[in-house]
Amino acid sequence: MPDHHAPSFLQRHADSKLQIERRILAKWIAGNLVEEGARLFVVSGTTAAAAGEEILQRVDSVHITTNSVPMAWYFIGLVEKGFAAPHVSVSVVGGELRAVTGAIAGKAKPERGATLLISPHGLTAKAITGNRDVDQLKPLVNGHRKVIMPVSWSKLNREAFGVVKHLGHWKRVDCQLVITERPHSSLRLSEEDHRNGIDLLKSVATTMGNRLTIHWLPLKRGR
């Protein structure tokens, strides 16, 4: 069953210890993995929404489909302030609003050739895990062949109530996993957490083989 006591979207968005790492991931994705004219589905979540916001500012003619109300709100703000890149657009799926996660629970049909942008609740050696909106995430992960997956160190080895996708069953996919080279100091993770995270990512890479590319982002000195 879902963890109804887990932090909401607004609580996670306001958590300062997560914001620096989130922005590092978002800016790099926008500058390196998304081309002009790309079509993406951006899943509800704080890191995915941050990446979507950066993409809408920096990449011309991008079209984003999303089930994220915050993602749609970011788009409105960028257009209002004149910060949106030329010819970008956003479509929102229809359905019931889930206030805690900021997701719209509707039937989202994966678009042929589109890239899925998702930052999961957790990543273990065996699976992508989720506490909420798992029913929405499964068909999206199953239906997209190209995936961009920014992952915070705080999400490594994080168990959850649900499994979004077993990595061994994730056959027809080109997954670009994006992570910083080590945890940002604001996360206050131990050296043991770092070693365990490295071991986990090695295991994931072995399981997925050439279906997975891991991008290690350098942290600036002092971070």
Protein backbone atom coordinates (compact mmCIF):
# COMPACT_ATOMS: atom_id res chain seq x y z
CA MET A 1 0.00 0.00 0.00
CA PRO A 2 1.20 3.58 -0.57
CA ASP A 3 3.04 5.40 2.17
CA HIS A 4 0.66 8.23 2.96
CA HIS A 5 3.10 9.62 5.54
CA ALA A 6 5.88 10.19 2.98
CA PRO A 7 6.68 13.84 2.18
CA SER A 8 4.41 15.53 -0.36
CA PHE A 9 5.62 17.21 -3.56
CA LEU A 10 5.59 20.62 -1.90
CA GLN A 11 7.56 19.36 1.11
CA ARG A 12 10.16 17.68 -1.10
CA HIS A 13 10.40 20.75 -3.34
CA ALA A 14 11.10 22.96 -0.32
CA ASP A 15 13.73 20.60 1.15
CA SER A 16 16.92 22.68 0.79
CA LYS A 17 19.31 19.73 1.16
CA LEU A 18 17.95 18.26 -2.08
CA GLN A 19 17.78 21.39 -4.23
CA ILE A 20 21.46 21.83 -5.17
CA GLU A 21 21.92 18.29 -6.43
CA ARG A 22 18.58 18.47 -8.22
CA ARG A 23 19.60 21.59 -10.13
CA ILE A 24 22.98 20.13 -11.10
CA LEU A 25 21.21 17.15 -12.65
CA ALA A 26 18.53 19.29 -14.32
CA LYS A 27 20.93 21.75 -15.97
CA TRP A 28 23.20 19.00 -17.30
CA ILE A 29 20.30 17.07 -18.81
CA ALA A 30 18.98 20.17 -20.57
CA GLY A 31 22.40 21.02 -21.94
CA ASN A 32 23.53 17.53 -22.99
CA LEU A 33 20.73 15.01 -23.52
CA VAL A 34 17.86 16.93 -25.14
CA GLU A 35 18.04 18.14 -28.73
CA GLU A 36 16.10 20.90 -30.46
CA GLY A 37 12.63 19.70 -31.45
CA ALA A 38 12.62 16.78 -29.00
CA ARG A 39 9.40 15.32 -27.65
CA LEU A 40 9.34 14.18 -24.05
CA PHE A 41 7.00 12.85 -21.41
CA VAL A 42 7.97 14.38 -18.05
CA VAL A 43 6.68 12.37 -15.10
CA SER A 44 5.46 14.07 -11.95
CA GLY A 45 8.25 14.51 -9.40
CA THR A 46 10.55 17.24 -8.12
CA THR A 47 13.73 16.33 -10.01
CA ALA A 48 11.95 15.52 -13.27
CA ALA A 49 10.03 18.80 -13.06
CA ALA A 50 13.26 20.74 -12.43
CA ALA A 51 14.79 19.12 -15.52
CA GLY A 52 11.69 19.92 -17.56
CA GLU A 53 11.85 23.55 -16.44
CA GLU A 54 15.49 23.81 -17.55
CA ILE A 55 14.70 22.17 -20.89
CA LEU A 56 11.87 24.61 -21.61
CA GLN A 57 14.27 27.52 -21.02
CA ARG A 58 17.23 26.21 -23.00
CA VAL A 59 16.09 23.97 -25.88
CA ASP A 60 14.15 25.39 -28.84
CA SER A 61 10.98 23.78 -30.20
CA VAL A 62 10.70 21.14 -27.48
CA HIS A 63 7.28 19.66 -26.78
CA ILE A 64 6.62 18.20 -23.33
CA THR A 65 3.66 16.06 -22.38
CA THR A 66 3.25 15.69 -18.63
CA ASN A 67 1.06 14.40 -15.83
CA SER A 68 2.67 16.94 -13.49
CA VAL A 69 0.68 20.00 -12.42
CA PRO A 70 3.86 21.73 -11.12
CA MET A 71 5.51 21.15 -14.51
CA ALA A 72 2.59 22.90 -16.21
CA TRP A 73 2.81 25.75 -13.69
CA TYR A 74 6.53 26.19 -14.35
CA PHE A 75 5.75 26.50 -18.07
CA ILE A 76 3.14 29.21 -17.43
CA GLY A 77 5.65 31.15 -15.32
CA LEU A 78 8.42 30.90 -17.93
CA VAL A 79 6.15 32.19 -20.67
CA GLU A 80 4.84 35.00 -18.45
CA LYS A 81 8.39 36.15 -17.61
CA GLY A 82 9.71 35.76 -21.15
CA PHE A 83 12.18 33.03 -20.14
CA ALA A 84 10.82 30.21 -22.30
CA ALA A 85 12.87 29.12 -25.31
CA PRO A 86 11.34 29.77 -28.76
CA HIS A 87 8.49 27.54 -29.89
CA VAL A 88 8.34 25.30 -26.80
CA SER A 89 4.98 23.82 -25.83
CA VAL A 90 3.40 21.69 -23.10
CA SER A 91 0.45 19.28 -23.10
CA VAL A 92 -1.15 17.95 -19.93
CA VAL A 93 -2.87 14.57 -19.64
CA GLY A 94 -6.45 14.52 -18.39
CA GLY A 95 -7.65 12.88 -15.20
CA GLU A 96 -8.05 13.23 -11.46
CA LEU A 97 -5.58 15.45 -9.61
CA ARG A 98 -3.61 13.79 -6.83
CA ALA A 99 -2.82 16.74 -4.58
CA VAL A 100 -0.10 15.07 -2.50
CA THR A 101 2.09 14.15 -5.47
CA GLY A 102 1.00 16.85 -7.91
CA ALA A 103 0.20 14.15 -10.47
CA ILE A 104 -2.82 13.84 -12.73
CA ALA A 105 -4.09 10.27 -12.68
CA GLY A 106 -5.15 9.75 -16.28
CA LYS A 107 -4.45 7.37 -19.10
CA ALA A 108 -1.22 8.61 -20.63
CA LYS A 109 -0.49 6.97 -23.96
CA PRO A 110 3.25 6.85 -24.75
CA GLU A 111 4.06 8.68 -27.95
CA ARG A 112 6.15 6.86 -30.54
CA GLY A 113 9.67 8.28 -30.61
CA ALA A 114 9.24 10.34 -27.44
CA THR A 115 11.66 10.18 -24.51
CA LEU A 116 10.49 9.53 -20.95
CA LEU A 117 12.01 11.75 -18.24
CA ILE A 118 11.56 10.14 -14.84
CA SER A 119 13.28 10.45 -11.49
CA PRO A 120 12.18 7.42 -9.46
CA HIS A 121 11.37 7.25 -5.77
CA GLY A 122 14.12 4.69 -5.35
CA LEU A 123 16.60 2.47 -7.17
CA THR A 124 17.71 -0.92 -5.87
CA ALA A 125 19.93 -3.59 -7.42
CA LYS A 126 16.81 -5.25 -8.81
CA ALA A 127 14.24 -2.58 -9.57
CA ILE A 128 12.94 0.95 -9.85
CA THR A 129 10.75 1.39 -6.78
CA GLY A 130 7.81 3.64 -5.96
CA ASN A 131 5.52 4.50 -3.07
CA ARG A 132 2.88 6.52 -4.92
CA ASP A 133 1.45 6.72 -8.43
CA VAL A 134 2.95 3.32 -9.29
CA ASP A 135 -0.18 2.57 -11.34
CA GLN A 136 0.63 5.62 -13.48
CA LEU A 137 4.35 4.99 -13.76
CA LYS A 138 4.30 1.35 -14.89
CA PRO A 139 2.64 1.88 -18.30
CA LEU A 140 4.84 4.91 -18.99
CA VAL A 141 8.06 3.03 -18.24
CA ASN A 142 6.85 0.03 -20.23
CA GLY A 143 5.79 2.14 -23.20
CA HIS A 144 8.88 4.29 -23.80
CA ARG A 145 12.03 2.96 -25.45
CA LYS A 146 14.16 6.00 -24.59
CA VAL A 147 14.46 7.06 -20.96
CA ILE A 148 16.35 9.83 -19.16
CA MET A 149 16.58 9.04 -15.45
CA PRO A 150 18.20 11.58 -13.09
CA VAL A 151 18.91 9.94 -9.74
CA SER A 152 19.91 11.53 -6.45
CA TRP A 153 22.25 9.64 -4.14
CA SER A 154 19.50 9.79 -1.53
CA LYS A 155 17.41 7.47 -3.74
CA LEU A 156 19.97 4.68 -4.09
CA ASN A 157 19.12 1.49 -2.17
CA ARG A 158 15.76 3.03 -1.22
CA GLU A 159 13.09 0.38 -0.81
CA ALA A 160 9.41 1.17 -1.34
CA PHE A 161 5.95 -0.39 -1.24
CA GLY A 162 5.78 -0.89 -4.99
CA VAL A 163 7.93 -1.95 -7.92
CA VAL A 164 7.72 0.22 -11.03
CA LYS A 165 10.02 -1.96 -13.12
CA HIS A 166 12.26 -4.97 -12.54
CA LEU A 167 15.56 -4.09 -14.19
CA GLY A 168 16.08 -7.61 -15.49
CA HIS A 169 12.77 -7.38 -17.38
CA TRP A 170 13.53 -3.95 -18.86
CA LYS A 171 14.66 -5.25 -22.23
CA ARG A 172 13.76 -2.80 -25.00
CA VAL A 173 15.13 0.43 -23.59
CA ASP A 174 17.93 2.93 -23.98
CA CYS A 175 18.29 4.38 -20.48
CA GLN A 176 20.48 7.41 -19.71
CA LEU A 177 21.00 7.46 -15.93
CA VAL A 178 22.38 10.79 -14.65
CA ILE A 179 24.01 11.13 -11.24
CA THR A 180 26.66 13.30 -9.57
CA GLU A 181 30.10 11.72 -9.09
CA ARG A 182 29.55 11.62 -5.34
CA PRO A 183 26.82 12.82 -2.95
CA HIS A 184 26.57 16.56 -2.46
CA SER A 185 27.61 17.57 1.06
CA SER A 186 24.12 18.96 1.71
CA LEU A 187 22.76 15.38 1.65
CA ARG A 188 24.96 14.50 4.65
CA LEU A 189 25.50 10.94 3.49
CA SER A 190 28.36 8.91 4.92
CA GLU A 191 31.32 7.39 3.09
CA GLU A 192 29.66 4.02 3.63
CA ASP A 193 26.54 5.32 1.86
CA HIS A 194 28.79 6.42 -1.00
CA ARG A 195 30.47 3.02 -1.26
CA ASN A 196 27.13 1.23 -1.10
CA GLY A 197 25.81 3.50 -3.85
CA ILE A 198 28.79 2.74 -6.07
CA ASP A 199 28.29 -1.00 -5.51
CA LEU A 200 24.61 -0.65 -6.35
CA LEU A 201 25.28 1.20 -9.61
CA LYS A 202 27.84 -1.43 -10.63
CA SER A 203 25.21 -4.10 -10.04
CA VAL A 204 22.60 -2.18 -12.05
CA ALA A 205 25.10 -1.70 -14.89
CA THR A 206 25.84 -5.43 -14.93
CA THR A 207 22.14 -6.30 -15.02
CA MET A 208 21.26 -3.89 -17.81
CA GLY A 209 24.44 -4.06 -19.90
CA ASN A 210 24.39 -1.93 -23.06
CA ARG A 211 20.80 -0.85 -22.34
CA LEU A 212 22.18 1.54 -19.71
CA THR A 213 24.52 4.52 -19.90
CA ILE A 214 25.57 6.17 -16.63
CA HIS A 215 26.61 9.82 -16.81
CA TRP A 216 28.76 10.90 -13.83
CA LEU A 217 28.53 14.64 -13.24
CA PRO A 218 31.42 16.43 -11.49
CA LEU A 219 30.70 18.55 -8.46
CA LYS A 220 32.35 21.96 -8.18
CA ARG A 221 35.19 22.33 -5.70
CA GLY A 222 33.89 22.86 -2.21
CA ARG A 223 30.77 20.80 -2.83
